[in-house]
Amino acid sequence: MGVSACAQKAKPRARDLGIPFEGTPGNFNAITDVAGVEVGFKTLISGSGKLIPGKGPVRTGVTAIFPKGKGSLDRVFAAWYTLNGNGEMTGTTWIKESGGLGSPILITNTHSVGVVRDAVIEWHARRMKQNDYSGDISLPVVAETWDGFLNDINGFHVKKQDAFEAMESASSGPVAEGNVGGGTGMIVHGFKGGTGTSSRKVGTYLLGVLVQANYGSRSLLSIAGVPVGKEITDLRPQEGKADADQGSIIVVVATDAPLLPHQLERVVKRVALGIGVMGGRGGNSSGDIFIAFSTANPEATKNEGIVQLQMLPNDQITPFFEAAASATEEAIVNAMIAAETMEGVNGNKVYAIPHDRLIAVLKKYGRIK
């Protein structure tokens, strides 16, 4: 089944439960608050019971993010950063070299990076007027997190058509969260996780974040400064297993502020602070990889002549650091709040964080009245 960015039935979000966060969100409290950004999904859920490789159960999907919409091939300034590298994000070498991004960003499961990458190239090739090489189109950005606890990950169920549909479904407006797209089979701090998003106003500018969250130990989980993981100790995916900080998280940061690549690199590093506030520590087996882009400076796509650029002074950049950290924190919590309990291969079950018990814990510590 496919799910578009705004087709999902409305679900409660962290602020609906009264959970407090720093900063003021944009209209949708989503990455799509940054004008031009579009998000699409393809969600694959089928089968139940015993794992039969190649047949299921299937709990996976694809997420697509377009910086300037699926109708644009304009480059944008970009930068990336890795907190811990036990993961994959293709195309980053060219981003580091050129300071730009000319492809959409897709996120899927670990064993589907190749087919999704090939699909992005083919999707763009069908729209090109000639067969010339392009670093942007030929070296697209595709990232992953592991969903093998719930999904038949070695069944390779994600196909090119699924990536095509995720891209074609991309739209602006509200963004689906929880068990959707690439986030379908993901786990966060021992609870069901997945896709989440949030945004912040920074003066006249906007900064938005989208996460595919699949990381963290239960004991370190902190929400709004409260040690939730030490208060809700049951409902674990694998009772008796070590409480390790493992898994991965991919974070995409978008802004309409005129930031150059070196400034975006400074901003994207602050994503790690938002994860740290939640209790993520970038464990040895975690892949924590982040990318940021700016939709400002339309001449960044020019190939000839002198390019006229705008840039915010570095003395004005600190609020964007704060926005990146706080929006990342809220996006992760939004992913958890929207996620629903899911059973996958061999009856493996991951429980959604219970809203009533979470609220009770936050009240106990005085964070909710």
Protein backbone atom coordinates (compact mmCIF):
# COMPACT_ATOMS: atom_id res chain seq x y z
CA MET A 1 0.00 0.00 0.00
CA GLY A 2 1.19 3.53 -0.72
CA VAL A 3 0.77 6.54 1.55
CA SER A 4 1.28 10.13 0.36
CA ALA A 5 2.70 12.90 2.50
CA CYS A 6 -0.69 14.21 3.54
CA ALA A 7 -3.02 11.23 3.05
CA GLN A 8 -2.50 9.63 6.45
CA LYS A 9 -5.37 9.95 8.90
CA ALA A 10 -4.57 12.65 11.46
CA LYS A 11 -2.84 11.24 14.54
CA PRO A 12 -1.98 12.90 17.84
CA ARG A 13 1.39 14.60 18.00
CA ALA A 14 3.62 15.43 20.94
CA ARG A 15 2.19 18.92 21.45
CA ASP A 16 -1.34 17.48 21.39
CA LEU A 17 -0.39 15.58 24.55
CA GLY A 18 0.92 18.77 26.14
CA ILE A 19 4.60 17.84 25.87
CA PRO A 20 6.64 21.08 26.04
CA PHE A 21 9.43 22.01 23.63
CA GLU A 22 11.60 25.05 23.06
CA GLY A 23 10.87 27.25 20.04
CA THR A 24 7.90 28.17 17.87
CA PRO A 25 6.91 25.80 15.05
CA GLY A 26 5.73 26.75 11.58
CA ASN A 27 2.22 26.27 10.23
CA PHE A 28 2.42 22.48 9.84
CA ASN A 29 5.21 21.91 12.36
CA ALA A 30 6.88 19.93 9.60
CA ILE A 31 9.81 20.05 7.20
CA THR A 32 7.32 21.16 4.54
CA ASP A 33 6.95 24.50 6.31
CA VAL A 34 10.04 25.40 4.29
CA ALA A 35 8.52 26.56 0.99
CA GLY A 36 9.13 24.17 -1.89
CA VAL A 37 9.94 21.10 0.19
CA GLU A 38 7.81 18.08 -0.69
CA VAL A 39 7.64 14.68 1.03
CA GLY A 40 6.25 11.39 -0.26
CA PHE A 41 6.02 7.81 0.97
CA LYS A 42 5.49 4.25 -0.15
CA THR A 43 4.59 1.94 2.74
CA LEU A 44 4.80 -1.85 2.39
CA ILE A 45 2.93 -3.94 4.97
CA SER A 46 1.87 -7.52 4.27
CA GLY A 47 1.86 -10.99 5.79
CA SER A 48 2.22 -12.24 9.34
CA GLY A 49 3.67 -15.12 11.28
CA LYS A 50 6.80 -17.13 10.64
CA LEU A 51 9.58 -15.58 8.56
CA ILE A 52 9.75 -17.07 5.07
CA PRO A 53 12.62 -15.28 3.27
CA GLY A 54 11.37 -13.68 0.10
CA LYS A 55 7.74 -13.93 1.15
CA GLY A 56 7.54 -11.96 4.39
CA PRO A 57 6.19 -10.71 6.64
CA VAL A 58 6.91 -7.29 5.10
CA ARG A 59 7.18 -4.13 7.21
CA THR A 60 9.17 -1.58 5.23
CA GLY A 61 8.97 1.24 2.68
CA VAL A 62 10.52 4.31 1.10
CA THR A 63 10.49 8.02 2.01
CA ALA A 64 11.30 10.77 -0.50
CA ILE A 65 12.16 14.41 0.24
CA PHE A 66 12.48 16.98 -2.54
CA PRO A 67 14.20 20.28 -1.60
CA LYS A 68 12.34 22.29 -4.27
CA GLY A 69 9.57 19.93 -5.30
CA LYS A 70 9.60 16.98 -7.65
CA GLY A 71 9.27 19.28 -10.67
CA SER A 72 12.61 21.00 -10.04
CA LEU A 73 16.17 19.90 -10.74
CA ASP A 74 17.68 23.06 -9.24
CA ARG A 75 20.71 22.56 -7.04
CA VAL A 76 20.70 23.79 -3.47
CA PHE A 77 23.56 24.38 -1.09
CA ALA A 78 23.99 21.41 1.25
CA ALA A 79 26.19 19.75 3.85
CA TRP A 80 26.23 16.48 5.75
CA TYR A 81 27.62 15.12 9.01
CA THR A 82 27.94 11.75 10.68
CA LEU A 83 27.89 11.26 14.45
CA ASN A 84 28.58 7.52 14.11
CA GLY A 85 29.15 5.81 10.81
CA ASN A 86 27.64 2.33 11.11
CA GLY A 87 25.18 3.27 8.38
CA GLU A 88 24.94 4.52 4.82
CA MET A 89 24.05 7.70 2.96
CA THR A 90 25.07 7.67 -0.69
CA GLY A 91 26.09 10.77 -2.61
CA THR A 92 27.80 12.46 0.32
CA THR A 93 31.26 12.58 -1.26
CA TRP A 94 29.96 14.87 -4.02
CA ILE A 95 28.05 16.99 -1.51
CA LYS A 96 31.27 17.50 0.46
CA GLU A 97 33.22 18.27 -2.71
CA SER A 98 30.70 20.58 -4.40
CA GLY A 99 28.74 22.01 -1.48
CA GLY A 100 25.54 21.29 -3.36
CA LEU A 101 22.64 18.86 -3.67
CA GLY A 102 20.82 18.28 -6.96
CA SER A 103 18.78 15.16 -6.21
CA PRO A 104 15.96 14.25 -3.86
CA ILE A 105 16.82 12.54 -0.59
CA LEU A 106 15.38 9.04 -0.19
CA ILE A 107 15.36 6.87 2.93
CA THR A 108 14.64 3.15 3.11
CA ASN A 109 15.86 0.00 4.87
CA THR A 110 19.49 -1.07 4.93
CA HIS A 111 19.26 -3.76 2.25
CA SER A 112 17.27 -1.64 -0.18
CA VAL A 113 19.68 1.27 -0.63
CA GLY A 114 20.95 -0.08 -3.95
CA VAL A 115 17.62 -0.59 -5.66
CA VAL A 116 16.32 2.78 -4.44
CA ARG A 117 19.47 4.54 -5.62
CA ASP A 118 19.11 2.96 -9.05
CA ALA A 119 15.45 3.98 -9.12
CA VAL A 120 16.29 7.62 -8.42
CA ILE A 121 18.77 7.64 -11.30
CA GLU A 122 16.24 6.06 -13.65
CA TRP A 123 13.45 8.41 -12.51
CA HIS A 124 15.61 11.42 -13.34
CA ALA A 125 17.02 9.89 -16.54
CA ARG A 126 13.50 9.61 -17.95
CA ARG A 127 13.14 13.37 -17.48
CA MET A 128 16.51 14.41 -18.93
CA LYS A 129 16.78 15.70 -22.48
CA GLN A 130 20.12 14.03 -23.08
CA ASN A 131 22.35 11.29 -21.71
CA ASP A 132 25.07 13.53 -20.27
CA TYR A 133 26.65 12.59 -16.96
CA SER A 134 25.53 14.62 -13.97
CA GLY A 135 27.07 14.33 -10.52
CA ASP A 136 23.74 15.34 -9.02
CA ILE A 137 21.56 12.87 -10.88
CA SER A 138 24.10 10.06 -11.20
CA LEU A 139 25.13 10.27 -7.53
CA PRO A 140 21.83 10.64 -5.65
CA VAL A 141 21.37 10.72 -1.89
CA VAL A 142 19.82 7.55 -0.44
CA ALA A 143 20.06 6.66 3.26
CA GLU A 144 18.97 3.74 5.44
CA THR A 145 18.15 2.35 8.83
CA TRP A 146 17.72 -1.32 9.78
CA ASP A 147 14.22 -2.84 10.09
CA GLY A 148 15.14 -6.53 10.24
CA PHE A 149 13.48 -7.20 13.62
CA LEU A 150 10.03 -6.68 12.08
CA ASN A 151 10.68 -6.96 8.35
CA ASP A 152 11.87 -9.71 6.01
CA ILE A 153 14.83 -7.51 5.18
CA ASN A 154 16.61 -10.24 3.20
CA GLY A 155 13.51 -10.69 1.07
CA PHE A 156 14.34 -7.48 -0.83
CA HIS A 157 10.70 -6.44 -1.08
CA VAL A 158 11.38 -2.81 -1.99
CA LYS A 159 11.38 -2.52 -5.77
CA LYS A 160 12.11 0.33 -8.17
CA GLN A 161 8.40 0.95 -8.60
CA ASP A 162 8.06 1.57 -4.88
CA ALA A 163 10.71 4.28 -5.03
CA PHE A 164 9.01 5.74 -8.12
CA GLU A 165 5.70 5.88 -6.25
CA ALA A 166 7.27 7.47 -3.19
CA MET A 167 8.72 10.21 -5.38
CA GLU A 168 5.57 10.70 -7.42
CA SER A 169 3.46 11.01 -4.26
CA ALA A 170 5.61 13.81 -2.83
CA SER A 171 3.62 16.87 -1.82
CA SER A 172 3.70 19.87 0.47
CA GLY A 173 1.50 20.33 3.54
CA PRO A 174 1.11 18.02 6.57
CA VAL A 175 3.48 15.05 6.67
CA ALA A 176 2.50 11.53 7.76
CA GLU A 177 4.40 10.19 10.78
CA GLY A 178 5.04 6.95 12.61
CA ASN A 179 4.81 3.64 10.74
CA VAL A 180 5.09 5.08 7.23
CA GLY A 181 7.55 4.95 4.34
CA GLY A 182 11.10 4.04 5.24
CA GLY A 183 10.14 4.37 8.90
CA THR A 184 7.58 1.56 8.81
CA GLY A 185 9.60 -1.09 10.65
CA MET A 186 11.71 1.09 12.94
CA ILE A 187 12.29 1.07 16.72
CA VAL A 188 13.25 4.00 19.01
CA HIS A 189 14.53 3.49 22.56
CA GLY A 190 12.74 0.15 22.68
CA PHE A 191 9.39 1.60 21.55
CA LYS A 192 7.90 1.70 18.06
CA GLY A 193 9.47 4.53 16.10
CA GLY A 194 9.71 5.56 12.47
CA THR A 195 9.11 8.84 10.67
CA GLY A 196 8.73 12.16 12.47
CA THR A 197 8.98 15.83 11.60
CA SER A 198 8.96 19.29 13.17
CA SER A 199 9.89 22.88 12.35
CA ARG A 200 10.98 26.13 13.95
CA LYS A 201 10.58 29.79 13.12
CA VAL A 202 13.91 31.62 13.24
CA GLY A 203 13.14 35.29 12.82
CA THR A 204 11.70 35.63 9.30
CA TYR A 205 13.10 32.24 8.30
CA LEU A 206 12.03 28.62 8.80
CA LEU A 207 13.96 25.49 9.61
CA GLY A 208 12.37 22.05 9.30
CA VAL A 209 13.51 18.57 10.25
CA LEU A 210 12.46 15.06 9.20
CA VAL A 211 13.79 11.98 10.98
CA GLN A 212 13.79 8.27 10.32
CA ALA A 213 14.39 7.18 13.90
CA ASN A 214 15.58 3.68 14.77
CA TYR A 215 18.09 4.05 17.59
CA GLY A 216 18.67 4.21 21.34
CA SER A 217 18.46 2.28 24.58
CA ARG A 218 15.35 2.31 26.78
CA SER A 219 17.17 3.18 29.99
CA LEU A 220 18.50 6.46 28.56
CA LEU A 221 15.22 7.65 27.02
CA SER A 222 14.43 11.20 28.13
CA ILE A 223 11.39 13.21 26.99
CA ALA A 224 11.08 16.88 27.95
CA GLY A 225 13.87 16.35 30.45
CA VAL A 226 12.08 13.47 32.19
CA PRO A 227 13.73 10.00 32.51
CA VAL A 228 10.85 8.21 30.81
CA GLY A 229 12.95 5.14 30.06
CA LYS A 230 13.55 4.55 33.76
CA GLU A 231 9.84 4.99 34.53
CA ILE A 232 8.36 2.82 31.76
CA THR A 233 10.56 -0.25 31.85
CA ASP A 234 8.23 -2.88 30.41
CA LEU A 235 6.79 -3.28 26.91
CA ARG A 236 10.19 -4.16 25.50
CA PRO A 237 10.67 -5.78 22.07
CA GLN A 238 12.93 -8.51 23.49
CA GLU A 239 12.60 -9.08 27.21
CA GLY A 240 15.87 -10.12 28.82
CA LYS A 241 18.06 -8.77 26.03
CA ALA A 242 20.80 -6.25 26.76
CA ASP A 243 19.58 -2.63 26.72
CA ALA A 244 22.06 -1.42 24.10
CA ASP A 245 22.18 1.86 22.19
CA GLN A 246 21.94 0.39 18.73
CA GLY A 247 20.12 1.00 15.47
CA SER A 248 20.38 4.21 13.48
CA ILE A 249 18.83 7.58 12.75
CA ILE A 250 18.75 9.62 9.57
CA VAL A 251 17.95 13.32 9.91
CA VAL A 252 17.16 15.76 7.08
CA VAL A 253 17.28 19.49 7.84
CA ALA A 254 15.79 22.09 5.49
CA THR A 255 15.87 25.88 5.76
CA ASP A 256 15.00 28.89 3.62
CA ALA A 257 17.70 30.98 5.28
CA PRO A 258 20.61 32.02 3.01
CA LEU A 259 23.27 29.77 4.51
CA LEU A 260 26.33 28.66 2.58
CA PRO A 261 27.63 25.06 2.69
CA HIS A 262 30.13 25.67 5.49
CA GLN A 263 27.36 27.25 7.58
CA LEU A 264 24.98 24.39 6.84
CA GLU A 265 27.66 22.00 8.06
CA ARG A 266 27.76 23.90 11.33
CA VAL A 267 23.95 23.73 11.61
CA VAL A 268 23.66 20.03 10.75
CA LYS A 269 26.15 19.08 13.47
CA ARG A 270 23.70 20.42 16.06
CA VAL A 271 21.23 17.67 15.15
CA ALA A 272 23.36 15.46 17.39
CA LEU A 273 22.48 17.66 20.36
CA GLY A 274 18.76 17.03 19.84
CA ILE A 275 19.40 13.29 19.72
CA GLY A 276 21.56 13.56 22.83
CA VAL A 277 18.77 15.31 24.74
CA MET A 278 16.55 12.31 23.95
CA GLY A 279 19.18 9.93 25.31
CA GLY A 280 20.90 8.89 22.09
CA ARG A 281 24.64 8.38 22.43
CA GLY A 282 25.63 7.21 18.96
CA GLY A 283 26.43 3.67 20.07
CA ASN A 284 28.97 1.51 18.27
CA SER A 285 26.41 -0.21 16.05
CA SER A 286 24.45 2.97 15.34
CA GLY A 287 24.47 4.87 12.06
CA ASP A 288 23.69 8.50 12.85
CA ILE A 289 23.90 10.46 9.60
CA PHE A 290 22.48 13.91 8.92
CA ILE A 291 22.07 16.18 5.89
CA ALA A 292 21.04 19.84 5.65
CA PHE A 293 20.15 22.05 2.70
CA SER A 294 19.08 25.63 2.05
CA THR A 295 16.47 26.55 -0.55
CA ALA A 296 17.73 30.16 -0.68
CA ASN A 297 20.21 31.49 -3.27
CA PRO A 298 18.50 30.42 -6.50
CA GLU A 299 21.62 31.26 -8.52
CA ALA A 300 23.43 28.37 -6.88
CA THR A 301 22.28 26.30 -9.86
CA LYS A 302 23.92 28.56 -12.48
CA ASN A 303 26.64 27.08 -14.68
CA GLU A 304 27.97 30.27 -16.28
CA GLY A 305 28.88 33.82 -15.40
CA ILE A 306 29.26 35.29 -11.93
CA VAL A 307 26.91 33.96 -9.27
CA GLN A 308 25.33 36.49 -6.93
CA LEU A 309 24.81 35.05 -3.45
CA GLN A 310 23.42 36.12 -0.11
CA MET A 311 24.71 34.88 3.23
CA LEU A 312 23.69 35.41 6.82
CA PRO A 313 26.58 36.60 9.00
CA ASN A 314 27.95 33.95 11.31
CA ASP A 315 27.00 36.15 14.26
CA GLN A 316 23.34 35.42 13.38
CA ILE A 317 23.65 31.66 13.13
CA THR A 318 23.25 30.55 16.76
CA PRO A 319 19.40 30.58 16.65
CA PHE A 320 19.62 28.08 13.78
CA PHE A 321 21.77 25.82 15.96
CA GLU A 322 19.08 25.95 18.62
CA ALA A 323 16.33 25.34 16.07
CA ALA A 324 18.07 22.30 14.59
CA ALA A 325 18.53 20.71 18.02
CA SER A 326 15.01 21.39 19.32
CA ALA A 327 13.23 20.48 16.05
CA THR A 328 15.16 17.19 15.93
CA GLU A 329 14.13 16.41 19.50
CA GLU A 330 10.46 17.11 18.76
CA ALA A 331 10.54 15.19 15.46
CA ILE A 332 11.75 12.08 17.27
CA VAL A 333 9.01 12.37 19.89
CA ASN A 334 6.44 12.95 17.13
CA ALA A 335 7.59 9.73 15.47
CA MET A 336 7.06 7.86 18.74
CA ILE A 337 3.67 9.40 19.49
CA ALA A 338 2.33 8.66 15.99
CA ALA A 339 3.72 5.13 15.82
CA GLU A 340 1.43 2.18 16.53
CA THR A 341 2.28 -1.20 18.01
CA MET A 342 3.48 -3.50 15.25
CA GLU A 343 3.99 -7.26 15.00
CA GLY A 344 6.32 -8.57 12.31
CA VAL A 345 8.47 -11.56 11.45
CA ASN A 346 8.15 -14.59 13.74
CA GLY A 347 5.64 -12.70 15.85
CA ASN A 348 8.23 -10.15 16.95
CA LYS A 349 6.33 -7.25 18.49
CA VAL A 350 7.34 -3.65 19.15
CA TYR A 351 5.01 -1.64 21.37
CA ALA A 352 4.03 1.97 20.85
CA ILE A 353 4.81 4.20 23.78
CA PRO A 354 1.58 4.30 25.86
CA HIS A 355 0.29 7.87 25.75
CA ASP A 356 -1.53 7.69 29.07
CA ARG A 357 1.48 6.39 30.95
CA LEU A 358 3.77 8.91 29.28
CA ILE A 359 1.50 11.76 30.33
CA ALA A 360 1.39 10.39 33.87
CA VAL A 361 5.18 10.30 34.06
CA LEU A 362 5.50 13.85 32.75
CA LYS A 363 2.94 15.00 35.32
CA LYS A 364 4.84 13.20 38.06
CA TYR A 365 7.92 15.29 37.24
CA GLY A 366 5.96 18.51 36.85
CA ARG A 367 6.44 18.87 33.09
CA ILE A 368 2.70 18.68 32.41
CA LYS A 369 0.14 20.12 34.79
